[in-house]
Amino acid sequence: MTTMGNNKWVAQAKSLKLSAQSGAIKWRDRALDMLFPPCCLACDAPIVAADGLCAPCWGKLRFISKPYCPVLGIPFAADLGAGVLSAEAIAQPPTFARARAAVIYDDLARQLVSQFKYGDRLELAKFCAQLMYIAGEDFWASSCVFVPVPLHWRRRLSRRYNQSQLLADQLGQLTGFEVRSDWVERKRFTRQQVGLSSKDREQNVRGAFVVADQFLEQYQGQHIVIVDDVVTTGATVEAIARSFKAKYRDKVNVLSFARVVTGPIGAI
């Protein structure tokens, strides 16, 4: 038999093997679905496919879509024209270039984040990252590197995982871009931001982050995407952006699952 013939048989054998493996995986998944029917990530109602929401819960999510502020990603009630900035971006321009978020931080988003962050519901990382991938569509035209908001080692020890790291890992799989969790370090243990005022949040994280030596050794001009679960006042991501030297800050972007939006959001 010729070499070409051998290659043909090898290719067919590989194809049959892959088909058999695919079939086995499908039967395994069906069996698991029968034993453990997929449930809504928010309310545990039965759903067709795993790692999703039921229709009523999906309808409660407040997605952030255009028109929004091109800098902070804050949604506008109406299209105000290209390049129009939000009052927040004008009053206090951020150190980073752009921020985007998938949903408004309301009751349902708060529940999902709380389950993910404190309830060991790690399967939520995939769901949240998929929505973040859509929200960050403006970023993907250029090469990016994902930098998760780091936890201090003491908090990481008590929580056992970093939710921002899990989101960054999922985004890396969706985009093919690299995740660098060692580029920014949290050098100082800080109080939890929950319950603090805007001014106290800023003071709490001021000087808490430092850019590691690895960044200067490995950075090749990519856009840096800081990944977090929720942006409230922006104090944390602002502190991280400030840890980069000024010449890099126009390459720093922010991507989160949810964002706190103040004002009459019912009209959005």
C-alpha atoms as a PDB file:
ATOM      1  CA  MET A   1       0.000   0.000   0.000  1.00  0.00           C
ATOM      2  CA  THR A   2       1.299   3.473  -0.853  1.00  0.00           C
ATOM      3  CA  THR A   3       2.166   6.131   1.709  1.00  0.00           C
ATOM      4  CA  MET A   4      -0.790   8.181   0.471  1.00  0.00           C
ATOM      5  CA  GLY A   5      -3.058   5.197   1.068  1.00  0.00           C
ATOM      6  CA  ASN A   6      -1.687   4.740   4.554  1.00  0.00           C
ATOM      7  CA  ASN A   7      -2.302   8.399   5.354  1.00  0.00           C
ATOM      8  CA  LYS A   8      -5.871   8.070   4.120  1.00  0.00           C
ATOM      9  CA  TRP A   9      -6.567   5.113   6.410  1.00  0.00           C
ATOM     10  CA  VAL A  10      -4.913   6.863   9.352  1.00  0.00           C
ATOM     11  CA  ALA A  11      -7.073   9.949   8.755  1.00  0.00           C
ATOM     12  CA  GLN A  12     -10.229   7.833   8.542  1.00  0.00           C
ATOM     13  CA  ALA A  13      -9.296   5.960  11.721  1.00  0.00           C
ATOM     14  CA  LYS A  14      -8.730   9.226  13.558  1.00  0.00           C
ATOM     15  CA  SER A  15     -12.076  10.511  12.291  1.00  0.00           C
ATOM     16  CA  LEU A  16     -13.882   7.373  13.508  1.00  0.00           C
ATOM     17  CA  LYS A  17     -12.134   7.628  16.873  1.00  0.00           C
ATOM     18  CA  LEU A  18     -13.159  11.272  17.259  1.00  0.00           C
ATOM     19  CA  SER A  19     -16.731  10.420  16.269  1.00  0.00           C
ATOM     20  CA  ALA A  20     -16.828   7.634  18.833  1.00  0.00           C
ATOM     21  CA  GLN A  21     -15.425   9.920  21.515  1.00  0.00           C
ATOM     22  CA  SER A  22     -17.929  12.635  20.604  1.00  0.00           C
ATOM     23  CA  GLY A  23     -20.766  10.142  20.770  1.00  0.00           C
ATOM     24  CA  ALA A  24     -19.598   8.875  24.153  1.00  0.00           C
ATOM     25  CA  ILE A  25     -19.399  12.438  25.495  1.00  0.00           C
ATOM     26  CA  LYS A  26     -22.937  13.161  24.265  1.00  0.00           C
ATOM     27  CA  TRP A  27     -24.313  10.025  25.945  1.00  0.00           C
ATOM     28  CA  ARG A  28     -22.424  10.878  29.133  1.00  0.00           C
ATOM     29  CA  ASP A  29     -23.861  14.412  29.139  1.00  0.00           C
ATOM     30  CA  ARG A  30     -27.386  13.081  28.532  1.00  0.00           C
ATOM     31  CA  ALA A  31     -27.030  10.635  31.395  1.00  0.00           C
ATOM     32  CA  LEU A  32     -25.790  13.371  33.703  1.00  0.00           C
ATOM     33  CA  ASP A  33     -28.684  15.633  32.660  1.00  0.00           C
ATOM     34  CA  MET A  34     -31.129  12.832  33.531  1.00  0.00           C
ATOM     35  CA  LEU A  35     -29.528  12.317  36.951  1.00  0.00           C
ATOM     36  CA  PHE A  36     -28.906  16.010  37.627  1.00  0.00           C
ATOM     37  CA  PRO A  37     -31.257  18.127  35.466  1.00  0.00           C
ATOM     38  CA  PRO A  38     -29.748  21.550  34.605  1.00  0.00           C
ATOM     39  CA  CYS A  39     -31.123  24.365  36.726  1.00  0.00           C
ATOM     40  CA  CYS A  40     -31.198  28.142  36.450  1.00  0.00           C
ATOM     41  CA  LEU A  41     -28.092  29.677  37.993  1.00  0.00           C
ATOM     42  CA  ALA A  42     -30.231  32.232  39.831  1.00  0.00           C
ATOM     43  CA  CYS A  43     -33.452  30.507  40.970  1.00  0.00           C
ATOM     44  CA  ASP A  44     -32.784  26.774  40.409  1.00  0.00           C
ATOM     45  CA  ALA A  45     -35.752  26.407  38.051  1.00  0.00           C
ATOM     46  CA  PRO A  46     -35.268  23.609  35.470  1.00  0.00           C
ATOM     47  CA  ILE A  47     -33.782  24.743  32.155  1.00  0.00           C
ATOM     48  CA  VAL A  48     -32.817  23.064  28.873  1.00  0.00           C
ATOM     49  CA  ALA A  49     -29.038  23.597  28.962  1.00  0.00           C
ATOM     50  CA  ALA A  50     -26.646  23.907  31.887  1.00  0.00           C
ATOM     51  CA  ASP A  51     -24.831  27.076  33.001  1.00  0.00           C
ATOM     52  CA  GLY A  52     -27.606  29.484  32.065  1.00  0.00           C
ATOM     53  CA  LEU A  53     -30.694  31.292  33.315  1.00  0.00           C
ATOM     54  CA  CYS A  54     -34.376  30.523  32.957  1.00  0.00           C
ATOM     55  CA  ALA A  55     -36.396  32.873  30.753  1.00  0.00           C
ATOM     56  CA  PRO A  56     -37.855  34.946  33.632  1.00  0.00           C
ATOM     57  CA  CYS A  57     -34.427  35.493  35.230  1.00  0.00           C
ATOM     58  CA  TRP A  58     -32.831  36.254  31.881  1.00  0.00           C
ATOM     59  CA  GLY A  59     -35.481  38.897  31.333  1.00  0.00           C
ATOM     60  CA  LYS A  60     -34.552  40.556  34.636  1.00  0.00           C
ATOM     61  CA  LEU A  61     -30.916  41.171  33.655  1.00  0.00           C
ATOM     62  CA  ARG A  62     -30.293  44.818  32.713  1.00  0.00           C
ATOM     63  CA  PHE A  63     -27.821  44.568  29.845  1.00  0.00           C
ATOM     64  CA  ILE A  64     -25.626  47.568  29.074  1.00  0.00           C
ATOM     65  CA  SER A  65     -25.618  48.267  25.364  1.00  0.00           C
ATOM     66  CA  LYS A  66     -25.148  51.306  23.148  1.00  0.00           C
ATOM     67  CA  PRO A  67     -25.691  54.179  23.496  1.00  0.00           C
ATOM     68  CA  TYR A  68     -23.255  54.561  26.358  1.00  0.00           C
ATOM     69  CA  CYS A  69     -20.368  56.783  27.398  1.00  0.00           C
ATOM     70  CA  PRO A  70     -17.388  55.856  25.181  1.00  0.00           C
ATOM     71  CA  VAL A  71     -15.011  56.220  28.152  1.00  0.00           C
ATOM     72  CA  LEU A  72     -16.794  54.796  31.205  1.00  0.00           C
ATOM     73  CA  GLY A  73     -19.381  52.651  29.438  1.00  0.00           C
ATOM     74  CA  ILE A  74     -22.205  54.196  31.490  1.00  0.00           C
ATOM     75  CA  PRO A  75     -25.498  53.735  29.567  1.00  0.00           C
ATOM     76  CA  PHE A  76     -27.381  56.736  28.213  1.00  0.00           C
ATOM     77  CA  ALA A  77     -31.168  56.980  28.172  1.00  0.00           C
ATOM     78  CA  ALA A  78     -30.969  58.245  24.576  1.00  0.00           C
ATOM     79  CA  ASP A  79     -28.392  58.515  21.808  1.00  0.00           C
ATOM     80  CA  LEU A  80     -26.631  61.840  22.410  1.00  0.00           C
ATOM     81  CA  GLY A  81     -24.335  61.586  19.402  1.00  0.00           C
ATOM     82  CA  ALA A  82     -20.857  60.261  18.742  1.00  0.00           C
ATOM     83  CA  GLY A  83     -18.167  61.158  21.258  1.00  0.00           C
ATOM     84  CA  VAL A  84     -20.493  62.584  23.932  1.00  0.00           C
ATOM     85  CA  LEU A  85     -19.146  61.778  27.397  1.00  0.00           C
ATOM     86  CA  SER A  86     -21.028  61.091  30.593  1.00  0.00           C
ATOM     87  CA  ALA A  87     -21.066  63.689  33.363  1.00  0.00           C
ATOM     88  CA  GLU A  88     -18.895  61.355  35.455  1.00  0.00           C
ATOM     89  CA  ALA A  89     -16.221  61.094  32.761  1.00  0.00           C
ATOM     90  CA  ILE A  90     -16.160  64.882  32.352  1.00  0.00           C
ATOM     91  CA  ALA A  91     -16.092  65.685  36.063  1.00  0.00           C
ATOM     92  CA  GLN A  92     -13.434  63.111  36.928  1.00  0.00           C
ATOM     93  CA  PRO A  93     -11.617  61.684  33.879  1.00  0.00           C
ATOM     94  CA  PRO A  94     -10.317  58.193  34.658  1.00  0.00           C
ATOM     95  CA  THR A  95      -6.676  57.182  34.516  1.00  0.00           C
ATOM     96  CA  PHE A  96      -7.525  54.236  32.252  1.00  0.00           C
ATOM     97  CA  ALA A  97      -8.664  54.530  28.639  1.00  0.00           C
ATOM     98  CA  ARG A  98     -12.047  52.751  28.541  1.00  0.00           C
ATOM     99  CA  ALA A  99     -14.363  50.707  30.746  1.00  0.00           C
ATOM    100  CA  ARG A 100     -17.084  48.290  29.727  1.00  0.00           C
ATOM    101  CA  ALA A 101     -19.522  46.142  31.719  1.00  0.00           C
ATOM    102  CA  ALA A 102     -22.086  43.546  30.727  1.00  0.00           C
ATOM    103  CA  VAL A 103     -24.983  44.366  33.051  1.00  0.00           C
ATOM    104  CA  ILE A 104     -26.221  46.956  35.528  1.00  0.00           C
ATOM    105  CA  TYR A 105     -25.616  45.952  39.124  1.00  0.00           C
ATOM    106  CA  ASP A 106     -29.182  45.464  40.308  1.00  0.00           C
ATOM    107  CA  ASP A 107     -30.812  42.852  42.552  1.00  0.00           C
ATOM    108  CA  LEU A 108     -30.338  39.898  40.192  1.00  0.00           C
ATOM    109  CA  ALA A 109     -26.773  40.829  39.267  1.00  0.00           C
ATOM    110  CA  ARG A 110     -26.002  41.289  42.974  1.00  0.00           C
ATOM    111  CA  GLN A 111     -27.359  37.806  43.692  1.00  0.00           C
ATOM    112  CA  LEU A 112     -25.255  36.214  40.936  1.00  0.00           C
ATOM    113  CA  VAL A 113     -22.099  38.016  42.027  1.00  0.00           C
ATOM    114  CA  SER A 114     -22.663  37.101  45.662  1.00  0.00           C
ATOM    115  CA  GLN A 115     -23.166  33.423  44.809  1.00  0.00           C
ATOM    116  CA  PHE A 116     -20.046  33.467  42.652  1.00  0.00           C
ATOM    117  CA  LYS A 117     -17.856  35.453  45.017  1.00  0.00           C
ATOM    118  CA  TYR A 118     -18.837  34.029  48.391  1.00  0.00           C
ATOM    119  CA  GLY A 119     -20.933  30.926  47.690  1.00  0.00           C
ATOM    120  CA  ASP A 120     -18.455  28.721  45.812  1.00  0.00           C
ATOM    121  CA  ARG A 121     -20.653  28.816  42.692  1.00  0.00           C
ATOM    122  CA  LEU A 122     -17.649  28.639  40.377  1.00  0.00           C
ATOM    123  CA  GLU A 123     -19.782  27.589  37.412  1.00  0.00           C
ATOM    124  CA  LEU A 124     -20.946  31.216  37.239  1.00  0.00           C
ATOM    125  CA  ALA A 125     -17.517  32.221  35.905  1.00  0.00           C
ATOM    126  CA  LYS A 126     -18.332  30.780  32.480  1.00  0.00           C
ATOM    127  CA  PHE A 127     -21.744  32.437  32.298  1.00  0.00           C
ATOM    128  CA  CYS A 128     -20.489  35.862  33.415  1.00  0.00           C
ATOM    129  CA  ALA A 129     -17.456  35.733  31.118  1.00  0.00           C
ATOM    130  CA  GLN A 130     -19.625  34.983  28.089  1.00  0.00           C
ATOM    131  CA  LEU A 131     -21.614  38.167  28.713  1.00  0.00           C
ATOM    132  CA  MET A 132     -18.406  40.103  29.392  1.00  0.00           C
ATOM    133  CA  TYR A 133     -17.017  38.889  26.068  1.00  0.00           C
ATOM    134  CA  ILE A 134     -19.982  40.492  24.287  1.00  0.00           C
ATOM    135  CA  ALA A 135     -19.653  43.698  26.324  1.00  0.00           C
ATOM    136  CA  GLY A 136     -15.953  43.975  25.503  1.00  0.00           C
ATOM    137  CA  GLU A 137     -16.360  43.700  21.732  1.00  0.00           C
ATOM    138  CA  ASP A 138     -14.613  47.070  21.262  1.00  0.00           C
ATOM    139  CA  PHE A 139     -11.437  45.606  22.766  1.00  0.00           C
ATOM    140  CA  TRP A 140     -10.976  42.498  20.642  1.00  0.00           C
ATOM    141  CA  ALA A 141      -9.844  44.254  17.459  1.00  0.00           C
ATOM    142  CA  SER A 142      -6.383  44.640  19.024  1.00  0.00           C
ATOM    143  CA  SER A 143      -4.145  42.220  20.871  1.00  0.00           C
ATOM    144  CA  CYS A 144      -5.003  42.164  24.583  1.00  0.00           C
ATOM    145  CA  VAL A 145      -3.680  40.776  27.833  1.00  0.00           C
ATOM    146  CA  PHE A 146      -6.089  40.074  30.703  1.00  0.00           C
ATOM    147  CA  VAL A 147      -4.974  41.240  34.152  1.00  0.00           C
ATOM    148  CA  PRO A 148      -7.348  40.111  36.941  1.00  0.00           C
ATOM    149  CA  VAL A 149      -7.733  42.329  39.996  1.00  0.00           C
ATOM    150  CA  PRO A 150      -5.398  40.620  42.484  1.00  0.00           C
ATOM    151  CA  LEU A 151      -6.326  39.534  45.981  1.00  0.00           C
ATOM    152  CA  HIS A 152      -4.004  39.922  48.924  1.00  0.00           C
ATOM    153  CA  TRP A 153      -2.657  36.511  49.957  1.00  0.00           C
ATOM    154  CA  ARG A 154      -4.509  36.675  53.272  1.00  0.00           C
ATOM    155  CA  ARG A 155      -7.886  37.167  51.577  1.00  0.00           C
ATOM    156  CA  ARG A 156      -7.054  34.582  48.938  1.00  0.00           C
ATOM    157  CA  LEU A 157      -6.293  32.095  51.717  1.00  0.00           C
ATOM    158  CA  SER A 158      -9.657  32.663  53.400  1.00  0.00           C
ATOM    159  CA  ARG A 159     -11.700  32.761  50.181  1.00  0.00           C
ATOM    160  CA  ARG A 160      -9.716  29.976  48.447  1.00  0.00           C
ATOM    161  CA  TYR A 161     -10.095  31.479  44.975  1.00  0.00           C
ATOM    162  CA  ASN A 162      -9.997  34.813  43.179  1.00  0.00           C
ATOM    163  CA  GLN A 163     -13.215  35.383  41.251  1.00  0.00           C
ATOM    164  CA  SER A 164     -11.514  37.926  38.956  1.00  0.00           C
ATOM    165  CA  GLN A 165      -8.888  35.318  38.071  1.00  0.00           C
ATOM    166  CA  LEU A 166     -11.599  32.806  37.139  1.00  0.00           C
ATOM    167  CA  LEU A 167     -13.311  35.392  34.915  1.00  0.00           C
ATOM    168  CA  ALA A 168     -10.000  36.286  33.240  1.00  0.00           C
ATOM    169  CA  ASP A 169      -9.250  32.607  32.609  1.00  0.00           C
ATOM    170  CA  GLN A 170     -12.625  32.154  30.910  1.00  0.00           C
ATOM    171  CA  LEU A 171     -12.113  35.291  28.807  1.00  0.00           C
ATOM    172  CA  GLY A 172      -8.710  33.985  27.800  1.00  0.00           C
ATOM    173  CA  GLN A 173     -10.343  30.802  26.520  1.00  0.00           C
ATOM    174  CA  LEU A 174     -12.997  32.751  24.618  1.00  0.00           C
ATOM    175  CA  THR A 175     -10.571  35.164  22.940  1.00  0.00           C
ATOM    176  CA  GLY A 176      -7.280  33.292  22.781  1.00  0.00           C
ATOM    177  CA  PHE A 177      -5.545  36.200  24.530  1.00  0.00           C
ATOM    178  CA  GLU A 178      -3.071  35.695  27.352  1.00  0.00           C
ATOM    179  CA  VAL A 179      -3.877  36.041  31.064  1.00  0.00           C
ATOM    180  CA  ARG A 180      -1.151  37.586  33.236  1.00  0.00           C
ATOM    181  CA  SER A 181      -2.061  37.391  36.906  1.00  0.00           C
ATOM    182  CA  ASP A 182       1.523  38.213  37.904  1.00  0.00           C
ATOM    183  CA  TRP A 183       1.757  41.665  36.306  1.00  0.00           C
ATOM    184  CA  VAL A 184       0.011  43.496  39.174  1.00  0.00           C
ATOM    185  CA  GLU A 185       0.481  42.651  42.848  1.00  0.00           C
ATOM    186  CA  ARG A 186      -1.589  43.664  45.846  1.00  0.00           C
ATOM    187  CA  LYS A 187       1.133  44.692  48.272  1.00  0.00           C
ATOM    188  CA  ARG A 188      -1.119  45.904  51.100  1.00  0.00           C
ATOM    189  CA  PHE A 189      -4.023  44.194  52.851  1.00  0.00           C
ATOM    190  CA  THR A 190      -7.111  46.415  52.626  1.00  0.00           C
ATOM    191  CA  ARG A 191     -10.555  46.475  54.199  1.00  0.00           C
ATOM    192  CA  GLN A 192     -13.407  45.084  52.161  1.00  0.00           C
ATOM    193  CA  GLN A 193     -14.931  47.833  50.025  1.00  0.00           C
ATOM    194  CA  VAL A 194     -18.533  46.840  50.778  1.00  0.00           C
ATOM    195  CA  GLY A 195     -20.252  49.543  52.830  1.00  0.00           C
ATOM    196  CA  LEU A 196     -17.551  52.166  52.346  1.00  0.00           C
ATOM    197  CA  SER A 197     -18.282  55.591  50.896  1.00  0.00           C
ATOM    198  CA  SER A 198     -16.757  56.651  47.600  1.00  0.00           C
ATOM    199  CA  LYS A 199     -14.102  58.700  49.387  1.00  0.00           C
ATOM    200  CA  ASP A 200     -13.312  55.875  51.819  1.00  0.00           C
ATOM    201  CA  ARG A 201     -13.049  53.367  48.966  1.00  0.00           C
ATOM    202  CA  GLU A 202     -10.508  55.554  47.214  1.00  0.00           C
ATOM    203  CA  GLN A 203      -8.485  55.983  50.402  1.00  0.00           C
ATOM    204  CA  ASN A 204      -8.713  52.271  51.198  1.00  0.00           C
ATOM    205  CA  VAL A 205      -7.001  51.127  47.959  1.00  0.00           C
ATOM    206  CA  ARG A 206      -4.664  54.067  47.423  1.00  0.00           C
ATOM    207  CA  GLY A 207      -1.169  52.686  46.922  1.00  0.00           C
ATOM    208  CA  ALA A 208      -2.349  49.102  47.447  1.00  0.00           C
ATOM    209  CA  PHE A 209      -1.171  47.871  44.049  1.00  0.00           C
ATOM    210  CA  VAL A 210       2.204  47.704  42.357  1.00  0.00           C
ATOM    211  CA  VAL A 211       3.253  46.680  38.853  1.00  0.00           C
ATOM    212  CA  ALA A 212       5.595  43.685  39.038  1.00  0.00           C
ATOM    213  CA  ASP A 213       8.953  43.391  37.314  1.00  0.00           C
ATOM    214  CA  GLN A 214       7.484  40.730  35.017  1.00  0.00           C
ATOM    215  CA  PHE A 215       5.428  43.403  33.285  1.00  0.00           C
ATOM    216  CA  LEU A 216       8.458  45.323  32.013  1.00  0.00           C
ATOM    217  CA  GLU A 217      10.060  42.064  30.910  1.00  0.00           C
ATOM    218  CA  GLN A 218       7.026  40.677  29.066  1.00  0.00           C
ATOM    219  CA  TYR A 219       4.938  43.627  27.858  1.00  0.00           C
ATOM    220  CA  GLN A 220       4.901  43.960  24.061  1.00  0.00           C
ATOM    221  CA  GLY A 221       2.453  46.801  23.459  1.00  0.00           C
ATOM    222  CA  GLN A 222      -0.803  44.903  23.954  1.00  0.00           C
ATOM    223  CA  HIS A 223      -3.939  46.470  25.380  1.00  0.00           C
ATOM    224  CA  ILE A 224      -4.162  45.683  29.083  1.00  0.00           C
ATOM    225  CA  VAL A 225      -7.664  44.636  30.163  1.00  0.00           C
ATOM    226  CA  ILE A 226      -8.216  44.776  33.923  1.00  0.00           C
ATOM    227  CA  VAL A 227     -10.848  42.167  34.814  1.00  0.00           C
ATOM    228  CA  ASP A 228     -13.179  42.463  37.822  1.00  0.00           C
ATOM    229  CA  ASP A 229     -16.604  41.176  38.813  1.00  0.00           C
ATOM    230  CA  VAL A 230     -18.189  44.520  39.770  1.00  0.00           C
ATOM    231  CA  VAL A 231     -17.206  48.153  39.287  1.00  0.00           C
ATOM    232  CA  THR A 232     -18.879  50.257  41.974  1.00  0.00           C
ATOM    233  CA  THR A 233     -17.173  53.633  42.248  1.00  0.00           C
ATOM    234  CA  GLY A 234     -14.198  52.540  40.168  1.00  0.00           C
ATOM    235  CA  ALA A 235     -11.742  53.102  43.019  1.00  0.00           C
ATOM    236  CA  THR A 236     -10.079  49.692  42.725  1.00  0.00           C
ATOM    237  CA  VAL A 237      -9.561  49.675  38.958  1.00  0.00           C
ATOM    238  CA  GLU A 238      -8.483  53.322  39.118  1.00  0.00           C
ATOM    239  CA  ALA A 239      -5.838  52.435  41.717  1.00  0.00           C
ATOM    240  CA  ILE A 240      -4.566  49.597  39.521  1.00  0.00           C
ATOM    241  CA  ALA A 241      -4.435  51.844  36.461  1.00  0.00           C
ATOM    242  CA  ARG A 242      -2.460  54.412  38.446  1.00  0.00           C
ATOM    243  CA  SER A 243       0.093  51.758  39.351  1.00  0.00           C
ATOM    244  CA  PHE A 244       1.156  51.720  35.689  1.00  0.00           C
ATOM    245  CA  LYS A 245       3.471  54.481  34.514  1.00  0.00           C
ATOM    246  CA  ALA A 246       1.749  57.264  32.585  1.00  0.00           C
ATOM    247  CA  LYS A 247       3.127  56.113  29.217  1.00  0.00           C
ATOM    248  CA  TYR A 248       1.173  52.841  29.498  1.00  0.00           C
ATOM    249  CA  ARG A 249      -2.166  54.162  30.753  1.00  0.00           C
ATOM    250  CA  ASP A 250      -3.719  54.798  27.345  1.00  0.00           C
ATOM    251  CA  LYS A 251      -3.429  51.029  26.823  1.00  0.00           C
ATOM    252  CA  VAL A 252      -5.279  50.170  30.047  1.00  0.00           C
ATOM    253  CA  ASN A 253      -8.955  49.163  29.761  1.00  0.00           C
ATOM    254  CA  VAL A 254     -11.447  47.774  32.280  1.00  0.00           C
ATOM    255  CA  LEU A 255     -13.944  44.954  31.792  1.00  0.00           C
ATOM    256  CA  SER A 256     -16.412  43.812  34.454  1.00  0.00           C
ATOM    257  CA  PHE A 257     -19.510  41.662  34.671  1.00  0.00           C
ATOM    258  CA  ALA A 258     -21.577  44.355  36.399  1.00  0.00           C
ATOM    259  CA  ARG A 259     -21.408  48.080  37.019  1.00  0.00           C
ATOM    260  CA  VAL A 260     -23.191  50.251  39.539  1.00  0.00           C
ATOM    261  CA  VAL A 261     -25.183  52.927  37.710  1.00  0.00           C
ATOM    262  CA  THR A 262     -26.675  55.797  39.683  1.00  0.00           C
ATOM    263  CA  GLY A 263     -29.559  57.983  38.580  1.00  0.00           C
ATOM    264  CA  PRO A 264     -32.868  57.154  36.864  1.00  0.00           C
ATOM    265  CA  ILE A 265     -31.803  53.814  35.369  1.00  0.00           C
ATOM    266  CA  GLY A 266     -35.427  52.858  34.793  1.00  0.00           C
ATOM    267  CA  ALA A 267     -35.399  55.152  31.773  1.00  0.00           C
ATOM    268  CA  ILE A 268     -32.363  53.441  30.221  1.00  0.00           C
END
